[in-house]
Amino acid sequence: MRDRRQRTTIAIGWLALLLLWEVAGRLHWVADGALPSPSGVLRQLVEDWGDYPPHIWATVRTSLIGFLVGNAVAVLCGFLMASWRPVGRLLSGINVTLFAMPPIALTPILVIAFDGDAPRIVLAALATYYPTMVATVLGLTRIDSRLLDVVRLYGGGRWAALRWVRLRHALPTLLAGLRVAAPNAVLGSLLAEFGSGSGAGLGHYLIGSLGRGDPERLWGIGLVATAISALFYVAILLVARCWVGAQAPAQESLGSQGDAARGAGTQWLITLVAVVLPLLAWWAAVWGLEQAGVSSFVLRTPADLAAELFSSTRPESLASIIGGALLETLPWCLAGMALGLGFALLLAILGTLSPVLERVLMPLSLLSQSMPLVALTPLIVLIFGRDGATILAITISVTFFPAYVTLAQGMALVPEATQDCVRVLGGSRLKQVRLVSLPWSLPYLCAAARLVAPRAFLGVMIAEWLATGTGIGNLLNVARGSLDYGLVWAVVVAAVLVSVLLYLMVTVIEQRVLKRFAMTPVQ
């Protein structure tokens, strides 16, 4: 009976939100019609439906190919890293770079280097690599060692352990990683469509509709793009339920097996190679593009770019241009990230205090994570205009949702016995949250901050690129429009370095905060 009442309350809440949206759209409460009513969006979508099939097919095709290619590489690398731990350390520099790299920064170079659908496929593949690679490594390594002992006891070797234990254990975790990667593939394809001129694809269609001043059409395109991402997510979810059902992976700490026994010299050597490998990969990529026929006029090696940064042949050096743009971008990035995390923490606390509210917010958050950022940006511009409010709105939107999901999951895992101690002593629900839930979920807050730091920089760059005409995002537009390939490469490298540094900075802060304040379970 209680569950039925909760479901009824949730349904009423969703209907109330839709009704409020409908009334706000019909009465033009938001930015003089920038937020159209759901019925208006649906009506426009039906009228325009004849235009959609080629654009939908182009986006789905390139997203799917990129998804398959990126995940194949990710699973292969995950197997290598799980089989031989030093490979993981050696590839850590490349992995962190791929995770933190703003995809928008690579778009101009990919469009220059490749023809046809290749830029979309490459960007979609890059966007899917990291979550699948991490899921593969965790699934193959975080297992109960007793299961491996049973295999060895019966005379099984390494391949028997892989077949009967590791692969079976890894499947649920791998499918969870694929669910995260699926919407990323759509986002990567849309980003490439935004930056590659005319052609078929929802990104092209959205850009071509911006100048028409028709909010219903823009919202329709954005919702179709979101539906495609959500369908990718649901398809993997259904496969997961068919293959593994409700099976959950065993929880076993990964630790640092094999690394502790290594000498300090070996550790430093591995770290040095991990730092150098991204530079070698950059050199190799430029060499491969030159062999494929791309003109050396548009390509830059690390040495070429380093020489050009401080060259006196320009009225203003590249280093000063990049530095000035970053001074405009970074404050908005840090402010949006802080506000997004704070908003996520507030709603996670409210959801803990009111389980019904949490059950209303969680589906909305999961749905919003499927919304491609580039499809969301023009809609936010319609509502907030082309100034700092749009930058903050976009940055908060891309940082809030993953942070909220992470924090809500962390607070849901607080042991009941720990909360009972506060209840027995007469503590209120709010005191339980303050004394137990918040300290317990501190690792999840740190993980959320690490997850959203590069996303915040990406959000600011997209807002500057599509809306405000300021900062490093606009500089990318200027460089591409003036065919200044040295500036294009400088912006790309600067964006990647800043995103990686933000990620590493949050990681260092996380280690210190957890060491001092985190609540750890008693073993």
Protein backbone atom coordinates (compact mmCIF):
# COMPACT_ATOMS: atom_id res chain seq x y z
CA MET A 1 0.00 0.00 0.00
CA ARG A 2 2.82 2.38 0.86
CA ASP A 3 4.56 1.68 -2.47
CA ARG A 4 1.30 2.34 -4.30
CA ARG A 5 0.89 5.69 -2.56
CA GLN A 6 4.48 6.62 -3.44
CA ARG A 7 3.96 5.68 -7.10
CA THR A 8 0.77 7.75 -7.17
CA THR A 9 2.59 10.72 -5.61
CA ILE A 10 5.40 10.43 -8.15
CA ALA A 11 2.94 10.24 -11.06
CA ILE A 12 1.11 13.31 -9.76
CA GLY A 13 4.44 15.13 -9.42
CA TRP A 14 5.40 14.37 -13.03
CA LEU A 15 1.98 15.44 -14.29
CA ALA A 16 2.23 18.65 -12.29
CA LEU A 17 5.63 19.43 -13.84
CA LEU A 18 4.27 18.84 -17.35
CA LEU A 19 1.24 21.00 -16.61
CA LEU A 20 3.45 23.79 -15.25
CA TRP A 21 5.63 23.57 -18.36
CA GLU A 22 2.55 23.72 -20.60
CA VAL A 23 1.17 26.78 -18.80
CA ALA A 24 4.56 28.54 -18.78
CA GLY A 25 4.97 27.88 -22.49
CA ARG A 26 1.50 29.05 -23.47
CA LEU A 27 1.70 32.23 -21.36
CA HIS A 28 5.30 32.99 -22.45
CA TRP A 29 6.55 33.20 -18.87
CA VAL A 30 10.16 32.47 -19.86
CA ALA A 31 12.13 34.87 -22.11
CA ASP A 32 9.13 35.81 -24.25
CA GLY A 33 8.45 32.34 -25.65
CA ALA A 34 11.95 30.85 -25.51
CA LEU A 35 10.45 27.98 -23.50
CA PRO A 36 7.61 26.66 -25.72
CA SER A 37 4.86 24.43 -24.41
CA PRO A 38 5.19 20.64 -24.84
CA SER A 39 2.13 20.63 -27.08
CA GLY A 40 3.72 23.31 -29.30
CA VAL A 41 6.96 21.36 -29.54
CA LEU A 42 5.06 18.19 -30.45
CA ARG A 43 2.98 20.00 -33.06
CA GLN A 44 6.09 21.48 -34.71
CA LEU A 45 7.84 18.12 -34.57
CA VAL A 46 4.94 16.50 -36.46
CA GLU A 47 4.99 19.28 -39.07
CA ASP A 48 8.77 18.96 -39.61
CA TRP A 49 8.93 15.19 -39.46
CA GLY A 50 9.58 14.84 -43.18
CA ASP A 51 12.94 16.57 -42.69
CA TYR A 52 14.12 14.28 -39.90
CA PRO A 53 14.82 10.78 -41.38
CA PRO A 54 18.08 11.61 -43.25
CA HIS A 55 19.41 13.61 -40.29
CA ILE A 56 18.48 10.92 -37.76
CA TRP A 57 20.01 8.17 -39.92
CA ALA A 58 23.27 10.13 -40.39
CA THR A 59 23.66 10.71 -36.64
CA VAL A 60 22.66 7.16 -35.67
CA ARG A 61 24.97 5.58 -38.29
CA THR A 62 28.10 7.50 -37.30
CA SER A 63 27.34 7.18 -33.57
CA LEU A 64 26.89 3.42 -33.87
CA ILE A 65 30.08 2.90 -35.89
CA GLY A 66 32.06 5.07 -33.47
CA PHE A 67 30.50 3.21 -30.54
CA LEU A 68 31.59 -0.16 -31.93
CA VAL A 69 35.11 0.97 -32.86
CA GLY A 70 35.74 2.85 -29.60
CA ASN A 71 34.49 0.01 -27.44
CA ALA A 72 36.50 -2.61 -29.34
CA VAL A 73 39.68 -0.63 -28.66
CA ALA A 74 38.62 0.02 -25.05
CA VAL A 75 37.98 -3.66 -24.30
CA LEU A 76 41.31 -4.67 -25.88
CA CYS A 77 43.22 -2.08 -23.84
CA GLY A 78 41.28 -3.08 -20.73
CA PHE A 79 42.32 -6.73 -21.20
CA LEU A 80 45.96 -5.69 -21.59
CA MET A 81 45.89 -3.48 -18.49
CA ALA A 82 44.13 -6.12 -16.42
CA SER A 83 46.53 -8.86 -17.57
CA TRP A 84 49.73 -6.91 -16.97
CA ARG A 85 49.52 -4.11 -14.42
CA PRO A 86 52.48 -2.04 -15.70
CA VAL A 87 50.55 -1.49 -18.96
CA GLY A 88 47.93 0.39 -16.97
CA ARG A 89 50.58 2.62 -15.41
CA LEU A 90 52.26 3.20 -18.76
CA LEU A 91 48.97 4.14 -20.44
CA SER A 92 47.72 6.27 -17.55
CA GLY A 93 48.88 9.50 -19.21
CA ILE A 94 47.00 8.73 -22.42
CA ASN A 95 43.93 7.52 -20.51
CA VAL A 96 43.69 10.66 -18.34
CA THR A 97 44.23 12.83 -21.43
CA LEU A 98 41.43 11.08 -23.33
CA PHE A 99 39.11 11.37 -20.33
CA ALA A 100 39.79 15.05 -19.64
CA MET A 101 40.14 16.21 -23.26
CA PRO A 102 37.28 18.51 -24.38
CA PRO A 103 35.94 16.86 -27.57
CA ILE A 104 35.10 20.24 -29.07
CA ALA A 105 38.81 21.10 -29.12
CA LEU A 106 39.59 18.24 -31.51
CA THR A 107 36.78 18.98 -33.96
CA PRO A 108 38.65 21.50 -36.20
CA ILE A 109 41.69 19.23 -36.53
CA LEU A 110 39.57 16.17 -37.31
CA VAL A 111 37.59 18.10 -39.93
CA ILE A 112 40.86 19.24 -41.54
CA ALA A 113 42.42 15.77 -41.44
CA PHE A 114 39.50 13.56 -42.51
CA ASP A 115 36.74 13.63 -45.11
CA GLY A 116 33.12 12.50 -45.01
CA ASP A 117 31.87 10.77 -41.88
CA ALA A 118 35.34 10.05 -40.48
CA PRO A 119 35.45 13.05 -38.05
CA ARG A 120 32.13 12.04 -36.53
CA ILE A 121 33.17 8.40 -36.17
CA VAL A 122 36.54 9.28 -34.63
CA LEU A 123 35.02 11.70 -32.12
CA ALA A 124 32.27 9.21 -31.22
CA ALA A 125 34.90 6.49 -30.71
CA LEU A 126 37.04 8.74 -28.51
CA ALA A 127 34.00 9.67 -26.43
CA THR A 128 33.19 6.02 -25.70
CA TYR A 129 36.71 4.76 -24.97
CA TYR A 130 37.29 5.81 -21.36
CA PRO A 131 34.15 4.53 -19.55
CA THR A 132 34.32 1.15 -21.30
CA MET A 133 38.05 0.78 -20.66
CA VAL A 134 37.61 1.52 -16.93
CA ALA A 135 34.65 -0.87 -16.68
CA THR A 136 36.67 -3.63 -18.37
CA VAL A 137 39.62 -3.22 -16.01
CA LEU A 138 37.41 -3.11 -12.91
CA GLY A 139 35.37 -6.12 -14.01
CA LEU A 140 38.46 -8.25 -14.68
CA THR A 141 40.36 -7.29 -11.52
CA ARG A 142 37.91 -6.49 -8.70
CA ILE A 143 36.86 -10.03 -7.94
CA ASP A 144 36.77 -12.24 -4.89
CA SER A 145 40.19 -13.93 -4.70
CA ARG A 146 38.56 -17.03 -3.21
CA LEU A 147 36.95 -17.77 -6.58
CA LEU A 148 40.40 -17.83 -8.19
CA ASP A 149 41.64 -20.10 -5.40
CA VAL A 150 38.89 -22.61 -6.22
CA VAL A 151 39.96 -22.70 -9.87
CA ARG A 152 43.60 -23.22 -8.89
CA LEU A 153 42.60 -25.90 -6.36
CA TYR A 154 41.03 -27.92 -9.17
CA GLY A 155 44.12 -27.58 -11.33
CA GLY A 156 42.95 -24.69 -13.50
CA GLY A 157 45.50 -22.29 -14.91
CA ARG A 158 45.38 -18.68 -16.00
CA TRP A 159 43.10 -19.31 -18.99
CA ALA A 160 40.67 -21.35 -16.89
CA ALA A 161 40.47 -18.51 -14.38
CA LEU A 162 39.87 -16.06 -17.21
CA ARG A 163 37.11 -18.19 -18.75
CA TRP A 164 35.24 -19.34 -15.64
CA VAL A 165 35.74 -16.40 -13.26
CA ARG A 166 37.08 -13.18 -14.72
CA LEU A 167 35.01 -12.99 -17.92
CA ARG A 168 31.78 -13.94 -16.16
CA HIS A 169 32.42 -11.47 -13.39
CA ALA A 170 33.39 -8.71 -15.81
CA LEU A 171 30.22 -8.90 -17.91
CA PRO A 172 27.89 -6.93 -15.57
CA THR A 173 30.51 -4.23 -15.01
CA LEU A 174 31.33 -4.03 -18.72
CA LEU A 175 27.66 -3.63 -19.63
CA ALA A 176 27.37 -0.85 -17.03
CA GLY A 177 30.29 0.90 -18.73
CA LEU A 178 28.65 0.48 -22.12
CA ARG A 179 25.51 2.20 -20.79
CA VAL A 180 27.61 5.23 -19.89
CA ALA A 181 29.44 5.13 -23.23
CA ALA A 182 26.32 4.88 -25.40
CA PRO A 183 25.08 8.50 -24.96
CA ASN A 184 28.70 9.70 -25.24
CA ALA A 185 28.87 8.29 -28.77
CA VAL A 186 25.88 10.42 -29.82
CA LEU A 187 27.45 13.50 -28.21
CA GLY A 188 30.72 12.92 -30.09
CA SER A 189 28.96 12.59 -33.43
CA LEU A 190 26.88 15.73 -32.83
CA LEU A 191 29.96 17.76 -31.86
CA ALA A 192 31.66 16.81 -35.12
CA GLU A 193 28.50 17.71 -37.05
CA PHE A 194 28.45 21.12 -35.38
CA GLY A 195 31.96 21.87 -36.57
CA SER A 196 32.03 20.32 -40.05
CA GLY A 197 29.82 22.61 -42.14
CA SER A 198 26.88 21.38 -44.20
CA GLY A 199 25.61 17.85 -44.53
CA ALA A 200 23.13 15.43 -42.98
CA GLY A 201 22.87 14.99 -39.23
CA LEU A 202 20.91 16.42 -36.32
CA GLY A 203 23.84 18.69 -35.44
CA HIS A 204 23.76 20.23 -38.94
CA TYR A 205 19.97 20.52 -38.76
CA LEU A 206 20.15 22.27 -35.38
CA ILE A 207 22.79 24.75 -36.55
CA GLY A 208 20.80 25.46 -39.72
CA SER A 209 17.66 26.15 -37.64
CA LEU A 210 19.26 28.59 -35.20
CA GLY A 211 18.69 31.64 -37.40
CA ARG A 212 14.98 30.98 -37.95
CA GLY A 213 13.89 32.19 -34.51
CA ASP A 214 11.63 29.16 -33.99
CA PRO A 215 11.96 27.78 -30.44
CA GLU A 216 9.51 24.93 -31.10
CA ARG A 217 11.71 23.58 -33.91
CA LEU A 218 14.91 23.88 -31.83
CA TRP A 219 13.32 22.12 -28.87
CA GLY A 220 12.03 19.41 -31.20
CA ILE A 221 15.50 18.76 -32.62
CA GLY A 222 16.99 18.74 -29.14
CA LEU A 223 14.40 16.28 -27.87
CA VAL A 224 14.94 13.97 -30.87
CA ALA A 225 18.69 13.99 -30.19
CA THR A 226 17.98 13.23 -26.53
CA ALA A 227 15.63 10.40 -27.53
CA ILE A 228 18.38 8.83 -29.67
CA SER A 229 20.84 8.97 -26.76
CA ALA A 230 18.23 7.54 -24.41
CA LEU A 231 17.46 4.72 -26.87
CA PHE A 232 21.16 3.83 -27.04
CA TYR A 233 21.20 3.73 -23.23
CA VAL A 234 18.00 1.67 -22.95
CA ALA A 235 19.19 -0.80 -25.61
CA ILE A 236 22.33 -1.59 -23.60
CA LEU A 237 20.24 -1.73 -20.41
CA LEU A 238 17.91 -4.33 -21.95
CA VAL A 239 20.86 -6.39 -23.16
CA ALA A 240 22.31 -6.26 -19.66
CA ARG A 241 19.06 -7.45 -18.10
CA CYS A 242 18.74 -10.29 -20.61
CA TRP A 243 22.30 -11.52 -20.12
CA VAL A 244 23.02 -10.89 -16.45
CA GLY A 245 19.67 -9.96 -14.91
CA ALA A 246 20.10 -8.34 -11.53
CA GLN A 247 23.57 -9.81 -11.01
CA ALA A 248 25.93 -7.40 -9.29
CA PRO A 249 29.70 -7.65 -9.37
CA ALA A 250 31.47 -8.70 -6.23
CA GLN A 251 33.21 -5.91 -4.37
CA GLU A 252 36.90 -6.48 -3.78
CA SER A 253 39.48 -3.74 -3.41
CA LEU A 254 41.80 -3.43 -6.35
CA GLY A 255 44.69 -2.31 -4.21
CA SER A 256 48.13 -1.98 -5.65
CA GLN A 257 49.15 -5.58 -6.12
CA GLY A 258 52.43 -5.88 -7.82
CA ASP A 259 53.31 -2.21 -7.54
CA ALA A 260 54.40 -2.12 -3.94
CA ALA A 261 57.26 -4.54 -4.59
CA ARG A 262 58.73 -2.36 -7.30
CA GLY A 263 61.65 -0.15 -6.50
CA ALA A 264 61.50 3.63 -6.50
CA GLY A 265 63.59 3.73 -9.68
CA THR A 266 61.13 1.50 -11.54
CA GLN A 267 58.19 3.58 -10.33
CA TRP A 268 59.81 6.80 -11.56
CA LEU A 269 60.64 5.20 -14.91
CA ILE A 270 57.04 4.05 -15.40
CA THR A 271 55.75 7.53 -14.46
CA LEU A 272 58.16 9.17 -16.89
CA VAL A 273 57.06 6.89 -19.72
CA ALA A 274 53.39 7.59 -18.87
CA VAL A 275 54.04 11.33 -19.24
CA VAL A 276 56.03 10.96 -22.48
CA LEU A 277 53.62 8.55 -24.22
CA PRO A 278 50.93 11.21 -24.99
CA LEU A 279 53.63 13.31 -26.71
CA LEU A 280 54.80 10.29 -28.70
CA ALA A 281 51.19 9.53 -29.64
CA TRP A 282 50.84 13.14 -30.85
CA TRP A 283 53.99 12.83 -32.96
CA ALA A 284 52.83 9.49 -34.37
CA ALA A 285 49.39 10.90 -35.24
CA VAL A 286 50.93 13.84 -37.13
CA TRP A 287 53.28 11.50 -38.99
CA GLY A 288 50.40 9.20 -39.91
CA LEU A 289 48.31 12.13 -41.20
CA GLU A 290 51.22 13.33 -43.31
CA GLN A 291 51.59 9.85 -44.81
CA ALA A 292 47.85 9.87 -45.53
CA GLY A 293 48.25 13.01 -47.63
CA VAL A 294 47.31 15.78 -45.18
CA SER A 295 49.38 18.89 -45.90
CA SER A 296 52.12 19.66 -43.40
CA PHE A 297 50.92 23.29 -43.61
CA VAL A 298 47.98 22.44 -41.31
CA LEU A 299 49.81 20.03 -38.99
CA ARG A 300 52.01 20.78 -35.98
CA THR A 301 54.32 18.47 -34.03
CA PRO A 302 55.06 19.23 -30.35
CA ALA A 303 58.38 20.81 -31.40
CA ASP A 304 56.70 22.91 -34.11
CA LEU A 305 54.09 24.25 -31.72
CA ALA A 306 56.61 24.95 -28.96
CA ALA A 307 58.66 27.03 -31.41
CA GLU A 308 55.58 28.87 -32.67
CA LEU A 309 54.23 29.73 -29.21
CA PHE A 310 56.87 32.38 -28.59
CA SER A 311 57.68 33.29 -32.18
CA SER A 312 58.26 37.00 -32.90
CA THR A 313 56.75 36.75 -36.40
CA ARG A 314 53.28 37.55 -35.00
CA PRO A 315 52.14 40.94 -33.67
CA GLU A 316 51.19 39.11 -30.47
CA SER A 317 52.65 35.77 -29.43
CA LEU A 318 50.44 32.69 -29.32
CA ALA A 319 51.28 32.25 -25.65
CA SER A 320 49.87 35.68 -24.72
CA ILE A 321 46.76 35.14 -26.88
CA ILE A 322 46.06 31.79 -25.23
CA GLY A 323 46.80 33.17 -21.76
CA GLY A 324 44.36 36.06 -22.22
CA ALA A 325 41.60 33.73 -23.41
CA LEU A 326 42.14 31.34 -20.50
CA LEU A 327 41.85 34.23 -18.03
CA GLU A 328 38.33 34.77 -19.37
CA THR A 329 37.38 31.09 -19.37
CA LEU A 330 38.77 29.68 -16.11
CA PRO A 331 36.80 31.84 -13.62
CA TRP A 332 33.52 30.80 -15.25
CA CYS A 333 34.66 27.18 -15.25
CA LEU A 334 35.48 27.15 -11.52
CA ALA A 335 32.33 29.08 -10.60
CA GLY A 336 30.06 26.81 -12.65
CA MET A 337 31.70 23.69 -11.29
CA ALA A 338 31.32 24.88 -7.66
CA LEU A 339 27.67 25.87 -8.17
CA GLY A 340 26.88 22.61 -9.96
CA LEU A 341 28.39 20.50 -7.20
CA GLY A 342 26.67 22.58 -4.53
CA PHE A 343 23.29 22.26 -6.23
CA ALA A 344 23.80 18.51 -6.66
CA LEU A 345 24.71 18.12 -2.98
CA LEU A 346 21.65 20.13 -1.89
CA LEU A 347 19.26 18.01 -3.95
CA ALA A 348 20.95 14.79 -2.82
CA ILE A 349 20.39 15.86 0.81
CA LEU A 350 16.75 16.74 0.09
CA GLY A 351 16.32 13.39 -1.64
CA THR A 352 17.70 11.64 1.44
CA LEU A 353 15.30 13.52 3.69
CA SER A 354 12.37 12.80 1.32
CA PRO A 355 12.57 9.43 -0.50
CA VAL A 356 9.59 10.36 -2.67
CA LEU A 357 11.43 13.47 -3.91
CA GLU A 358 14.50 11.32 -4.64
CA ARG A 359 12.40 8.92 -6.72
CA VAL A 360 11.06 11.86 -8.72
CA LEU A 361 14.48 13.45 -9.29
CA MET A 362 16.51 10.34 -10.14
CA PRO A 363 14.70 9.40 -13.40
CA LEU A 364 14.85 13.04 -14.47
CA SER A 365 18.58 13.11 -13.78
CA LEU A 366 19.24 9.88 -15.67
CA LEU A 367 17.22 11.19 -18.62
CA SER A 368 19.06 14.50 -18.61
CA GLN A 369 22.41 12.68 -18.70
CA SER A 370 21.32 11.31 -22.08
CA MET A 371 20.70 14.81 -23.47
CA PRO A 372 23.60 15.77 -25.75
CA LEU A 373 25.21 18.98 -24.52
CA VAL A 374 25.36 20.59 -27.96
CA ALA A 375 21.61 20.03 -28.37
CA LEU A 376 20.99 21.64 -24.98
CA THR A 377 23.11 24.75 -25.61
CA PRO A 378 20.94 26.54 -28.21
CA LEU A 379 17.91 26.00 -25.98
CA ILE A 380 19.68 27.60 -23.01
CA VAL A 381 20.76 30.49 -25.23
CA LEU A 382 17.11 31.11 -26.10
CA ILE A 383 16.24 31.41 -22.41
CA PHE A 384 19.27 33.20 -20.91
CA GLY A 385 20.68 35.15 -23.86
CA ARG A 386 24.32 35.45 -24.85
CA ASP A 387 26.13 36.52 -21.69
CA GLY A 388 27.58 35.10 -18.49
CA ALA A 389 24.25 33.68 -17.35
CA THR A 390 24.31 31.27 -20.29
CA ILE A 391 27.86 30.16 -19.46
CA LEU A 392 26.88 29.42 -15.86
CA ALA A 393 23.63 27.71 -16.88
CA ILE A 394 25.41 25.38 -19.33
CA THR A 395 28.29 24.66 -16.95
CA ILE A 396 25.94 23.95 -14.03
CA SER A 397 23.81 21.68 -16.22
CA VAL A 398 26.74 19.53 -17.34
CA THR A 399 28.21 19.28 -13.82
CA PHE A 400 25.03 18.93 -11.78
CA PHE A 401 23.49 15.80 -13.27
CA PRO A 402 26.41 13.33 -13.05
CA ALA A 403 27.33 14.78 -9.65
CA TYR A 404 23.78 14.35 -8.35
CA VAL A 405 23.54 10.74 -9.51
CA THR A 406 26.91 9.94 -7.90
CA LEU A 407 26.02 11.64 -4.59
CA ALA A 408 22.54 10.11 -4.43
CA GLN A 409 24.03 6.65 -4.91
CA GLY A 410 26.59 7.32 -2.19
CA MET A 411 23.98 8.46 0.33
CA ALA A 412 21.78 5.47 -0.52
CA LEU A 413 24.63 3.13 0.48
CA VAL A 414 24.92 4.44 4.07
CA PRO A 415 24.53 1.39 6.38
CA GLU A 416 21.24 1.34 8.23
CA ALA A 417 23.00 0.25 11.43
CA THR A 418 25.06 3.45 11.42
CA GLN A 419 21.95 5.59 11.06
CA ASP A 420 20.19 3.58 13.79
CA CYS A 421 22.80 4.79 16.27
CA VAL A 422 21.69 8.37 15.70
CA ARG A 423 17.99 7.43 15.81
CA VAL A 424 18.40 5.51 19.08
CA LEU A 425 19.95 8.59 20.67
CA GLY A 426 16.98 10.69 19.58
CA GLY A 427 18.59 12.37 16.60
CA SER A 428 16.37 13.82 13.88
CA ARG A 429 16.53 12.87 10.20
CA LEU A 430 18.46 16.07 9.50
CA LYS A 431 21.00 15.18 12.18
CA GLN A 432 21.40 11.71 10.63
CA VAL A 433 22.29 13.37 7.35
CA ARG A 434 24.72 15.80 8.97
CA LEU A 435 26.49 13.31 11.25
CA VAL A 436 26.37 10.13 9.13
CA SER A 437 25.27 10.53 5.52
CA LEU A 438 27.51 13.47 4.63
CA PRO A 439 30.76 12.03 6.11
CA TRP A 440 29.95 8.62 4.61
CA SER A 441 29.31 10.03 1.15
CA LEU A 442 32.42 12.25 1.13
CA PRO A 443 34.29 9.83 -1.20
CA TYR A 444 31.36 10.08 -3.62
CA LEU A 445 31.49 13.88 -3.48
CA CYS A 446 35.20 13.75 -4.32
CA ALA A 447 34.55 11.26 -7.12
CA ALA A 448 31.82 13.54 -8.47
CA ALA A 449 34.19 16.53 -8.43
CA ARG A 450 36.83 14.52 -10.30
CA LEU A 451 34.23 13.38 -12.80
CA VAL A 452 32.82 16.84 -13.55
CA ALA A 453 36.01 18.96 -13.55
CA PRO A 454 36.78 18.32 -17.26
CA ARG A 455 33.06 18.52 -18.10
CA ALA A 456 32.87 21.99 -16.59
CA PHE A 457 35.65 23.22 -18.86
CA LEU A 458 33.92 21.59 -21.85
CA GLY A 459 30.65 23.30 -20.92
CA VAL A 460 32.27 26.73 -20.76
CA MET A 461 34.03 26.18 -24.10
CA ILE A 462 30.77 25.20 -25.82
CA ALA A 463 28.95 28.21 -24.34
CA GLU A 464 31.73 30.52 -25.55
CA TRP A 465 31.81 28.81 -28.94
CA LEU A 466 28.06 28.92 -29.63
CA ALA A 467 26.80 31.84 -27.54
CA THR A 468 29.00 34.47 -25.92
CA GLY A 469 31.92 34.91 -28.33
CA THR A 470 34.48 35.12 -25.53
CA GLY A 471 37.31 33.07 -24.05
CA ILE A 472 39.06 30.00 -25.33
CA GLY A 473 35.91 28.62 -27.00
CA ASN A 474 35.52 31.69 -29.19
CA LEU A 475 39.26 31.67 -29.91
CA LEU A 476 38.79 28.23 -31.46
CA ASN A 477 36.17 29.73 -33.78
CA VAL A 478 38.43 32.65 -34.69
CA ALA A 479 41.38 30.37 -35.42
CA ARG A 480 39.34 28.07 -37.63
CA GLY A 481 37.67 30.95 -39.51
CA SER A 482 41.00 32.67 -40.24
CA LEU A 483 42.73 29.37 -41.20
CA ASP A 484 45.34 30.08 -38.52
CA TYR A 485 46.39 26.46 -37.96
CA GLY A 486 49.08 27.36 -35.47
CA LEU A 487 46.45 29.02 -33.29
CA VAL A 488 44.10 26.05 -33.78
CA TRP A 489 46.73 23.65 -32.45
CA ALA A 490 47.63 26.01 -29.62
CA VAL A 491 43.99 26.22 -28.50
CA VAL A 492 43.59 22.43 -28.72
CA VAL A 493 46.70 21.72 -26.66
CA ALA A 494 45.87 24.44 -24.12
CA ALA A 495 42.33 23.08 -23.67
CA VAL A 496 43.62 19.53 -23.16
CA LEU A 497 46.33 20.64 -20.69
CA VAL A 498 43.95 22.77 -18.63
CA SER A 499 41.37 19.96 -18.47
CA VAL A 500 44.02 17.45 -17.40
CA LEU A 501 45.39 19.86 -14.78
CA LEU A 502 41.88 20.44 -13.40
CA TYR A 503 41.40 16.69 -13.14
CA LEU A 504 44.76 16.18 -11.43
CA MET A 505 44.17 19.13 -9.08
CA VAL A 506 40.86 17.66 -7.93
CA THR A 507 42.53 14.25 -7.54
CA VAL A 508 45.22 15.69 -5.23
CA ILE A 509 42.61 17.55 -3.16
CA GLU A 510 40.53 14.36 -3.01
CA GLN A 511 43.41 12.33 -1.57
CA ARG A 512 44.07 14.88 1.18
CA VAL A 513 40.41 15.39 2.07
CA LEU A 514 39.64 11.69 2.25
CA LYS A 515 42.71 11.00 4.34
CA ARG A 516 41.59 13.53 6.92
CA PHE A 517 37.79 13.52 6.91
CA ALA A 518 36.38 10.41 5.23
CA MET A 519 34.37 7.89 7.24
CA THR A 520 35.67 4.39 6.54
CA PRO A 521 33.74 1.20 7.24
CA VAL A 522 34.95 -1.14 9.94
CA GLN A 523 36.30 -4.38 8.47
